[in-house]
């Protein structure tokens, strides 16, 4: 199992920046895909950014060029750098760890961190 703890959410003005962190309880070397998801009130949870073990990344179109996902294996942590935040970005952001073992995916979630964008 993997426990995930997010941090870094908060209130920021439009155009501002935040960096979210997701700390894992064990080495992230064995995590196949690390990601960030978000869920706004009344909406479904959506994938925001993913990073695989080979370093490849993917982003939802609405955040491309503004958000960057990265990882720091030595700290068992991955990040979401969010720049140029817009009024449509507020949500609870969740980190996710996807592990493929014996042909079966298992997903682990953090508790979520609130991001608010307001002037």
Protein backbone atom coordinates (compact mmCIF):
# COMPACT_ATOMS: atom_id res chain seq x y z
CA UNK A 1 0.00 0.00 0.00
CA UNK A 2 0.93 3.63 -0.43
CA UNK A 3 -0.24 6.55 1.66
CA UNK A 4 -0.25 9.92 -0.07
CA UNK A 5 -0.26 13.32 1.59
CA UNK A 6 -0.87 16.46 -0.41
CA UNK A 7 0.12 19.97 0.52
CA UNK A 8 0.40 23.38 -1.06
CA UNK A 9 -3.18 24.34 -1.78
CA UNK A 10 -4.61 27.69 -0.86
CA UNK A 11 -6.00 30.98 -2.08
CA UNK A 12 -4.35 32.80 -4.94
CA UNK A 13 -5.31 35.68 -7.18
CA UNK A 14 -5.97 35.14 -10.88
CA UNK A 15 -2.66 34.95 -12.68
CA UNK A 16 -0.90 33.73 -9.58
CA UNK A 17 0.97 30.52 -8.91
CA UNK A 18 0.85 27.61 -6.51
CA UNK A 19 2.87 24.45 -6.17
CA UNK A 20 1.20 21.31 -4.92
CA UNK A 21 3.19 18.48 -3.41
CA UNK A 22 2.31 14.83 -2.97
CA UNK A 23 4.46 12.88 -0.54
CA UNK A 24 4.32 9.10 -0.72
CA UNK A 25 4.88 6.78 2.23
CA UNK A 26 7.33 4.66 0.30
CA UNK A 27 9.64 4.79 -2.68
CA UNK A 28 7.96 6.07 -5.80
CA UNK A 29 10.26 4.00 -8.01
CA UNK A 30 7.62 1.28 -8.16
CA UNK A 31 4.74 3.61 -9.00
CA UNK A 32 3.95 3.29 -12.69
CA UNK A 33 1.97 6.49 -13.09
CA UNK A 34 1.80 9.48 -10.77
CA UNK A 35 -0.84 12.07 -11.33
CA UNK A 36 -2.93 15.00 -10.28
CA UNK A 37 -6.70 15.12 -10.59
CA UNK A 38 -9.20 17.78 -9.65
CA UNK A 39 -12.85 17.96 -8.84
CA UNK A 40 -14.86 21.17 -8.82
CA UNK A 41 -18.29 21.38 -7.17
CA UNK A 42 -20.93 19.70 -9.30
CA UNK A 43 -18.38 18.30 -11.73
CA UNK A 44 -16.73 14.97 -12.26
CA UNK A 45 -13.17 14.39 -11.20
CA UNK A 46 -10.82 14.97 -14.11
CA UNK A 47 -7.25 14.08 -14.82
CA UNK A 48 -5.06 17.17 -14.88
CA UNK A 49 -1.51 15.89 -15.31
CA UNK A 50 0.26 12.53 -15.35
CA UNK A 51 3.88 11.47 -15.23
CA UNK A 52 5.08 7.95 -15.90
CA UNK A 53 8.18 6.14 -14.70
CA UNK A 54 9.94 6.92 -17.98
CA UNK A 55 9.36 10.62 -17.36
CA UNK A 56 6.75 11.08 -20.04
CA UNK A 57 4.00 13.51 -19.16
CA UNK A 58 0.51 14.34 -20.31
CA UNK A 59 -1.85 17.20 -19.53
CA UNK A 60 -5.46 18.05 -20.01
CA UNK A 61 -5.75 20.68 -22.73
CA UNK A 62 -7.01 23.38 -20.39
CA UNK A 63 -3.76 23.46 -18.40
CA UNK A 64 -1.17 22.90 -21.10
CA UNK A 65 1.50 25.55 -21.00
CA UNK A 66 0.49 26.62 -17.49
CA UNK A 67 0.90 23.56 -15.28
CA UNK A 68 3.94 21.33 -14.94
CA UNK A 69 4.12 17.95 -13.25
CA UNK A 70 7.44 16.74 -11.94
CA UNK A 71 8.81 14.28 -9.46
CA UNK A 72 11.68 14.01 -7.01
CA UNK A 73 12.42 10.36 -6.41
CA UNK A 74 14.87 11.03 -3.58
CA UNK A 75 12.02 12.62 -1.61
CA UNK A 76 9.30 10.20 -2.74
CA UNK A 77 7.37 13.24 -3.86
CA UNK A 78 5.81 14.61 -6.98
CA UNK A 79 4.63 18.11 -7.69
CA UNK A 80 2.22 20.18 -9.70
CA UNK A 81 3.47 23.66 -10.47
CA UNK A 82 0.49 25.78 -11.41
CA UNK A 83 1.12 29.12 -13.07
CA UNK A 84 -1.22 31.69 -14.56
CA UNK A 85 -4.11 30.36 -12.52
CA UNK A 86 -7.52 31.12 -13.92
CA UNK A 87 -11.00 31.41 -12.41
CA UNK A 88 -11.83 28.00 -13.91
CA UNK A 89 -9.01 26.24 -12.04
CA UNK A 90 -10.46 26.18 -8.50
CA UNK A 91 -11.17 22.68 -7.27
CA UNK A 92 -10.06 20.10 -4.80
CA UNK A 93 -6.86 18.67 -6.21
CA UNK A 94 -6.01 15.04 -5.53
CA UNK A 95 -2.81 13.20 -6.18
CA UNK A 96 -2.96 9.67 -7.46
CA UNK A 97 -0.55 6.77 -7.65
CA UNK A 98 -1.20 4.02 -10.14
CA UNK A 99 0.61 0.72 -9.69
CA UNK A 100 0.48 -2.11 -12.19
CA UNK A 101 1.19 -5.45 -10.58
CA UNK A 102 0.57 -8.85 -12.13
CA UNK A 103 -1.61 -7.30 -14.78
CA UNK A 104 -3.83 -5.44 -12.34
CA UNK A 105 -3.94 -1.70 -11.70
CA UNK A 106 -4.33 -0.41 -8.19
CA UNK A 107 -4.93 3.27 -7.53
CA UNK A 108 -4.16 5.20 -4.38
CA UNK A 109 -5.45 8.66 -3.59
CA UNK A 110 -4.46 11.50 -1.37
CA UNK A 111 -6.96 13.32 0.81
CA UNK A 112 -7.19 16.33 -1.48
CA UNK A 113 -6.14 19.94 -1.16
CA UNK A 114 -8.29 22.94 -1.97
CA UNK A 115 -7.20 25.46 -4.58
CA UNK A 116 -9.12 28.71 -4.71
CA UNK A 117 -8.59 31.43 -7.29
CA UNK A 118 -10.15 34.73 -6.40
CA UNK A 119 -9.36 38.42 -6.44
